[in-house]
Amino acid sequence: MDSIPITLGNVIFAFAGASFVFLVFKFITAFIQMAKGIGEIGFNPSQREEVLMDCCLNFPMESLQMDGSIFTRGESVRITTKKELVYEGQFVGVNKSEMLCIITDKSIIAHALGTIMKIQSVK
């Protein structure tokens, strides 16, 4: 049985093909997350104030009226999504794309308002 010689070109071609498949998979998963209106980004807790200022710029509306209550920037809230995910953190704001942002101790969460079933103040 004769073996087929593997050339450097074959290795490079296989690497390029695998990289392409990985990038396509990564793009599809990112698109699905964006379509679901879910975004969660981690950050270094020592940079919390800087991250909070950036979030305030991206989510400039300081208050939100929902379910007969008004939520304002800095208020502790708990949100429940249609997929029954529960997030608790500090309300940052809302933007023109109807995305709500809260910040926790370790991450920033942005959710489409249409995916939020319940929001409540946490004392």
N, C-alpha and C. Protein backbone atom coordinates (compact mmCIF):
# COMPACT_ATOMS: atom_id res chain seq x y z
N MET A 1 0.84 -1.17 0.00
CA MET A 1 0.00 0.00 0.00
C MET A 1 0.89 1.24 0.00
N ASP A 2 0.69 2.08 -0.99
CA ASP A 2 1.49 3.31 -1.09
C ASP A 2 0.86 4.40 -0.24
N SER A 3 1.72 5.18 0.41
CA SER A 3 1.21 6.31 1.20
C SER A 3 1.26 7.56 0.35
N ILE A 4 0.34 8.46 0.63
CA ILE A 4 0.28 9.72 -0.09
C ILE A 4 1.13 10.72 0.67
N PRO A 5 2.08 11.34 -0.01
CA PRO A 5 2.94 12.30 0.69
C PRO A 5 2.16 13.57 1.06
N ILE A 6 2.39 14.04 2.27
CA ILE A 6 1.74 15.28 2.73
C ILE A 6 2.75 16.41 2.54
N THR A 7 2.32 17.39 1.77
CA THR A 7 3.21 18.52 1.49
C THR A 7 2.85 19.69 2.39
N LEU A 8 3.72 20.65 2.41
CA LEU A 8 3.47 21.87 3.18
C LEU A 8 2.21 22.57 2.67
N GLY A 9 1.98 22.50 1.39
CA GLY A 9 0.77 23.09 0.80
C GLY A 9 -0.49 22.43 1.32
N ASN A 10 -0.47 21.10 1.50
CA ASN A 10 -1.61 20.39 2.06
C ASN A 10 -1.89 20.82 3.49
N VAL A 11 -0.84 20.99 4.27
CA VAL A 11 -0.99 21.41 5.67
C VAL A 11 -1.57 22.83 5.73
N ILE A 12 -1.05 23.72 4.92
CA ILE A 12 -1.55 25.10 4.90
C ILE A 12 -3.00 25.13 4.44
N PHE A 13 -3.34 24.35 3.43
CA PHE A 13 -4.71 24.29 2.94
C PHE A 13 -5.65 23.76 4.03
N ALA A 14 -5.24 22.73 4.74
CA ALA A 14 -6.06 22.17 5.83
C ALA A 14 -6.24 23.20 6.95
N PHE A 15 -5.17 23.91 7.28
CA PHE A 15 -5.25 24.95 8.32
C PHE A 15 -6.21 26.07 7.88
N ALA A 16 -6.09 26.51 6.65
CA ALA A 16 -6.97 27.57 6.14
C ALA A 16 -8.42 27.11 6.15
N GLY A 17 -8.67 25.88 5.75
CA GLY A 17 -10.04 25.35 5.75
C GLY A 17 -10.61 25.27 7.16
N ALA A 18 -9.82 24.79 8.10
CA ALA A 18 -10.28 24.69 9.49
C ALA A 18 -10.54 26.08 10.07
N SER A 19 -9.67 27.03 9.76
CA SER A 19 -9.86 28.40 10.25
C SER A 19 -11.14 29.01 9.69
N PHE A 20 -11.39 28.77 8.41
CA PHE A 20 -12.60 29.28 7.79
C PHE A 20 -13.85 28.71 8.46
N VAL A 21 -13.86 27.41 8.68
CA VAL A 21 -15.01 26.77 9.33
C VAL A 21 -15.20 27.33 10.73
N PHE A 22 -14.11 27.52 11.48
CA PHE A 22 -14.20 28.09 12.83
C PHE A 22 -14.78 29.50 12.79
N LEU A 23 -14.31 30.34 11.88
CA LEU A 23 -14.81 31.71 11.78
C LEU A 23 -16.28 31.76 11.41
N VAL A 24 -16.70 30.90 10.51
CA VAL A 24 -18.11 30.83 10.14
C VAL A 24 -18.95 30.43 11.34
N PHE A 25 -18.50 29.43 12.09
CA PHE A 25 -19.21 29.00 13.30
C PHE A 25 -19.27 30.14 14.31
N LYS A 26 -18.18 30.83 14.51
CA LYS A 26 -18.14 31.95 15.46
C LYS A 26 -19.09 33.07 15.03
N PHE A 27 -19.12 33.38 13.74
CA PHE A 27 -20.01 34.41 13.22
C PHE A 27 -21.47 34.02 13.42
N ILE A 28 -21.79 32.77 13.15
CA ILE A 28 -23.18 32.31 13.31
C ILE A 28 -23.61 32.38 14.77
N THR A 29 -22.78 31.94 15.69
CA THR A 29 -23.16 32.00 17.10
C THR A 29 -23.29 33.45 17.58
N ALA A 30 -22.41 34.33 17.13
CA ALA A 30 -22.52 35.75 17.51
C ALA A 30 -23.80 36.36 16.94
N PHE A 31 -24.15 36.00 15.72
CA PHE A 31 -25.37 36.51 15.10
C PHE A 31 -26.60 36.03 15.86
N ILE A 32 -26.60 34.75 16.26
CA ILE A 32 -27.73 34.21 17.01
C ILE A 32 -27.88 34.93 18.35
N GLN A 33 -26.77 35.16 19.03
CA GLN A 33 -26.83 35.88 20.31
C GLN A 33 -27.38 37.29 20.10
N MET A 34 -26.93 37.97 19.03
CA MET A 34 -27.40 39.31 18.76
C MET A 34 -28.90 39.29 18.42
N ALA A 35 -29.33 38.30 17.67
CA ALA A 35 -30.74 38.20 17.29
C ALA A 35 -31.62 37.93 18.50
N LYS A 36 -31.09 37.23 19.47
CA LYS A 36 -31.84 36.95 20.69
C LYS A 36 -31.92 38.18 21.59
N GLY A 37 -31.10 39.17 21.29
CA GLY A 37 -31.10 40.38 22.11
C GLY A 37 -30.36 40.18 23.41
N ILE A 38 -29.40 39.29 23.42
CA ILE A 38 -28.66 38.99 24.64
C ILE A 38 -27.22 39.44 24.46
N GLY A 39 -26.73 40.13 25.44
CA GLY A 39 -25.33 40.50 25.43
C GLY A 39 -24.80 40.54 26.84
N GLU A 40 -23.74 39.80 27.07
CA GLU A 40 -23.12 39.80 28.39
C GLU A 40 -21.62 39.89 28.19
N ILE A 41 -21.02 40.93 28.76
CA ILE A 41 -19.60 41.15 28.58
C ILE A 41 -18.96 41.26 29.95
N GLY A 42 -17.91 40.49 30.17
CA GLY A 42 -17.19 40.55 31.44
C GLY A 42 -16.21 41.71 31.45
N PHE A 43 -15.82 42.15 32.65
CA PHE A 43 -14.84 43.21 32.78
C PHE A 43 -14.09 43.04 34.09
N ASN A 44 -12.97 43.73 34.21
CA ASN A 44 -12.16 43.71 35.41
C ASN A 44 -12.85 44.59 36.46
N PRO A 45 -13.18 44.04 37.64
CA PRO A 45 -13.88 44.83 38.67
C PRO A 45 -13.17 46.12 39.07
N SER A 46 -11.85 46.18 38.91
CA SER A 46 -11.13 47.41 39.27
C SER A 46 -11.43 48.54 38.28
N GLN A 47 -11.98 48.21 37.12
CA GLN A 47 -12.32 49.21 36.10
C GLN A 47 -13.81 49.51 36.07
N ARG A 48 -14.52 49.17 37.14
CA ARG A 48 -15.97 49.31 37.18
C ARG A 48 -16.44 50.72 36.86
N GLU A 49 -15.83 51.73 37.47
CA GLU A 49 -16.27 53.11 37.24
C GLU A 49 -16.07 53.54 35.79
N GLU A 50 -14.95 53.16 35.21
CA GLU A 50 -14.69 53.49 33.81
C GLU A 50 -15.69 52.79 32.89
N VAL A 51 -15.96 51.53 33.16
CA VAL A 51 -16.93 50.77 32.37
C VAL A 51 -18.32 51.37 32.52
N LEU A 52 -18.67 51.77 33.74
CA LEU A 52 -19.98 52.38 33.99
C LEU A 52 -20.14 53.67 33.20
N MET A 53 -19.10 54.48 33.14
CA MET A 53 -19.17 55.73 32.36
C MET A 53 -19.37 55.43 30.87
N ASP A 54 -18.67 54.43 30.35
CA ASP A 54 -18.84 54.05 28.94
C ASP A 54 -20.27 53.56 28.68
N CYS A 55 -20.80 52.79 29.62
CA CYS A 55 -22.17 52.29 29.46
C CYS A 55 -23.18 53.44 29.47
N CYS A 56 -22.93 54.43 30.33
CA CYS A 56 -23.84 55.58 30.39
C CYS A 56 -23.86 56.33 29.07
N LEU A 57 -22.72 56.37 28.37
CA LEU A 57 -22.67 57.03 27.07
C LEU A 57 -23.44 56.23 26.01
N ASN A 58 -23.37 54.90 26.09
CA ASN A 58 -24.04 54.05 25.11
C ASN A 58 -25.51 53.82 25.41
N PHE A 59 -25.91 54.06 26.65
CA PHE A 59 -27.30 53.91 27.08
C PHE A 59 -27.71 55.21 27.77
N PRO A 60 -27.95 56.28 26.98
CA PRO A 60 -28.12 57.62 27.54
C PRO A 60 -29.45 57.89 28.26
N MET A 61 -30.48 57.11 27.99
CA MET A 61 -31.77 57.37 28.65
C MET A 61 -31.70 56.84 30.08
N GLU A 62 -31.84 57.74 31.05
CA GLU A 62 -31.58 57.42 32.44
C GLU A 62 -32.75 56.76 33.17
N SER A 63 -33.91 56.72 32.56
CA SER A 63 -35.05 56.11 33.24
C SER A 63 -35.86 55.25 32.27
N LEU A 64 -36.61 54.32 32.86
CA LEU A 64 -37.43 53.41 32.09
C LEU A 64 -38.74 53.21 32.85
N GLN A 65 -39.84 53.36 32.13
CA GLN A 65 -41.15 53.09 32.73
C GLN A 65 -41.63 51.75 32.17
N MET A 66 -41.89 50.81 33.09
CA MET A 66 -42.32 49.48 32.66
C MET A 66 -43.16 48.87 33.77
N ASP A 67 -44.24 48.26 33.42
CA ASP A 67 -45.14 47.60 34.37
C ASP A 67 -45.62 48.55 35.47
N GLY A 68 -45.84 49.80 35.13
CA GLY A 68 -46.34 50.78 36.08
C GLY A 68 -45.31 51.33 37.05
N SER A 69 -44.05 50.96 36.88
CA SER A 69 -42.98 51.47 37.75
C SER A 69 -41.96 52.22 36.92
N ILE A 70 -41.26 53.13 37.57
CA ILE A 70 -40.19 53.87 36.91
C ILE A 70 -38.88 53.45 37.54
N PHE A 71 -37.94 53.07 36.68
CA PHE A 71 -36.61 52.64 37.13
C PHE A 71 -35.61 53.69 36.67
N THR A 72 -34.72 54.12 37.56
CA THR A 72 -33.77 55.18 37.23
C THR A 72 -32.34 54.65 37.34
N ARG A 73 -31.43 55.35 36.68
CA ARG A 73 -30.01 54.97 36.67
C ARG A 73 -29.49 54.85 38.10
N GLY A 74 -28.78 53.77 38.34
CA GLY A 74 -28.18 53.54 39.64
C GLY A 74 -29.02 52.66 40.57
N GLU A 75 -30.28 52.45 40.22
CA GLU A 75 -31.18 51.65 41.04
C GLU A 75 -30.86 50.16 40.87
N SER A 76 -30.94 49.41 41.97
CA SER A 76 -30.74 47.96 41.91
C SER A 76 -32.01 47.31 41.39
N VAL A 77 -31.85 46.49 40.34
CA VAL A 77 -33.01 45.86 39.71
C VAL A 77 -32.74 44.37 39.47
N ARG A 78 -33.83 43.65 39.29
CA ARG A 78 -33.78 42.24 38.89
C ARG A 78 -34.65 42.13 37.65
N ILE A 79 -34.08 41.61 36.56
CA ILE A 79 -34.86 41.42 35.34
C ILE A 79 -35.02 39.93 35.07
N THR A 80 -36.17 39.58 34.54
CA THR A 80 -36.45 38.21 34.13
C THR A 80 -36.80 38.25 32.65
N THR A 81 -36.14 37.41 31.86
CA THR A 81 -36.35 37.40 30.42
C THR A 81 -37.39 36.35 30.03
N LYS A 82 -37.78 36.39 28.76
CA LYS A 82 -38.73 35.40 28.25
C LYS A 82 -38.19 33.98 28.38
N LYS A 83 -36.87 33.83 28.35
CA LYS A 83 -36.26 32.50 28.48
C LYS A 83 -36.01 32.15 29.95
N GLU A 84 -36.63 32.94 30.84
CA GLU A 84 -36.55 32.74 32.29
C GLU A 84 -35.14 32.88 32.85
N LEU A 85 -34.31 33.68 32.19
CA LEU A 85 -33.01 34.03 32.73
C LEU A 85 -33.22 35.19 33.69
N VAL A 86 -32.55 35.17 34.83
CA VAL A 86 -32.71 36.22 35.82
C VAL A 86 -31.36 36.90 36.02
N TYR A 87 -31.35 38.22 35.90
CA TYR A 87 -30.15 39.01 36.11
C TYR A 87 -30.45 40.04 37.19
N GLU A 88 -29.48 40.27 38.06
CA GLU A 88 -29.65 41.27 39.11
C GLU A 88 -28.43 42.18 39.08
N GLY A 89 -28.68 43.49 39.06
CA GLY A 89 -27.58 44.43 39.02
C GLY A 89 -28.08 45.86 39.09
N GLN A 90 -27.19 46.76 38.74
CA GLN A 90 -27.48 48.20 38.78
C GLN A 90 -27.98 48.65 37.41
N PHE A 91 -29.15 49.29 37.40
CA PHE A 91 -29.72 49.79 36.14
C PHE A 91 -28.84 50.92 35.62
N VAL A 92 -28.44 50.81 34.35
CA VAL A 92 -27.58 51.82 33.73
C VAL A 92 -28.40 52.74 32.84
N GLY A 93 -29.24 52.16 31.98
CA GLY A 93 -30.03 52.98 31.08
C GLY A 93 -30.58 52.19 29.91
N VAL A 94 -31.16 52.95 28.98
CA VAL A 94 -31.77 52.39 27.78
C VAL A 94 -31.24 53.20 26.60
N ASN A 95 -31.15 52.59 25.43
CA ASN A 95 -30.73 53.35 24.25
C ASN A 95 -31.85 53.41 23.22
N LYS A 96 -31.58 54.07 22.10
CA LYS A 96 -32.59 54.25 21.05
C LYS A 96 -32.96 52.94 20.37
N SER A 97 -32.11 51.94 20.47
CA SER A 97 -32.40 50.64 19.87
C SER A 97 -33.26 49.78 20.78
N GLU A 98 -33.80 50.39 21.84
CA GLU A 98 -34.64 49.71 22.82
C GLU A 98 -33.91 48.54 23.48
N MET A 99 -32.67 48.80 23.86
CA MET A 99 -31.87 47.85 24.62
C MET A 99 -31.70 48.41 26.03
N LEU A 100 -31.84 47.55 27.01
CA LEU A 100 -31.68 47.92 28.41
C LEU A 100 -30.32 47.40 28.86
N CYS A 101 -29.65 48.15 29.73
CA CYS A 101 -28.34 47.75 30.22
C CYS A 101 -28.34 47.75 31.74
N ILE A 102 -27.82 46.66 32.31
CA ILE A 102 -27.55 46.64 33.75
C ILE A 102 -26.10 46.19 33.92
N ILE A 103 -25.51 46.57 35.05
CA ILE A 103 -24.13 46.19 35.34
C ILE A 103 -24.12 45.44 36.66
N THR A 104 -23.44 44.29 36.67
CA THR A 104 -23.30 43.51 37.89
C THR A 104 -21.87 43.68 38.39
N ASP A 105 -21.50 42.91 39.39
CA ASP A 105 -20.13 43.00 39.90
C ASP A 105 -19.09 42.58 38.88
N LYS A 106 -19.46 41.68 37.98
CA LYS A 106 -18.48 41.12 37.06
C LYS A 106 -18.79 41.30 35.59
N SER A 107 -20.01 41.72 35.25
CA SER A 107 -20.34 41.82 33.83
C SER A 107 -21.37 42.90 33.54
N ILE A 108 -21.45 43.22 32.25
CA ILE A 108 -22.42 44.18 31.72
C ILE A 108 -23.44 43.34 30.95
N ILE A 109 -24.71 43.57 31.20
CA ILE A 109 -25.75 42.82 30.51
C ILE A 109 -26.61 43.79 29.73
N ALA A 110 -26.78 43.53 28.43
CA ALA A 110 -27.65 44.33 27.59
C ALA A 110 -28.71 43.38 27.02
N HIS A 111 -29.96 43.79 27.15
CA HIS A 111 -31.08 42.96 26.68
C HIS A 111 -32.07 43.83 25.93
N ALA A 112 -32.65 43.27 24.88
CA ALA A 112 -33.71 43.96 24.16
C ALA A 112 -34.93 44.06 25.08
N LEU A 113 -35.55 45.23 25.11
CA LEU A 113 -36.72 45.41 25.97
C LEU A 113 -37.83 44.42 25.65
N GLY A 114 -37.94 44.01 24.41
CA GLY A 114 -38.97 43.07 24.02
C GLY A 114 -38.78 41.67 24.59
N THR A 115 -37.57 41.36 25.07
CA THR A 115 -37.32 40.04 25.63
C THR A 115 -37.45 40.02 27.15
N ILE A 116 -37.75 41.17 27.75
CA ILE A 116 -37.86 41.25 29.21
C ILE A 116 -39.31 41.06 29.63
N MET A 117 -39.53 40.06 30.45
CA MET A 117 -40.88 39.76 30.94
C MET A 117 -41.21 40.56 32.20
N LYS A 118 -40.22 40.71 33.08
CA LYS A 118 -40.47 41.37 34.35
C LYS A 118 -39.22 42.10 34.80
N ILE A 119 -39.43 43.27 35.36
CA ILE A 119 -38.34 44.02 35.97
C ILE A 119 -38.86 44.54 37.32
N GLN A 120 -38.03 44.40 38.33
CA GLN A 120 -38.46 44.85 39.65
C GLN A 120 -37.27 45.44 40.41
N SER A 121 -37.58 46.37 41.32
CA SER A 121 -36.56 46.96 42.17
C SER A 121 -36.12 45.95 43.22
N VAL A 122 -34.86 46.02 43.55
CA VAL A 122 -34.30 45.19 44.61
C VAL A 122 -33.80 46.13 45.69
N LYS A 123 -34.27 45.93 46.88
CA LYS A 123 -33.86 46.79 47.99
C LYS A 123 -32.69 46.20 48.71
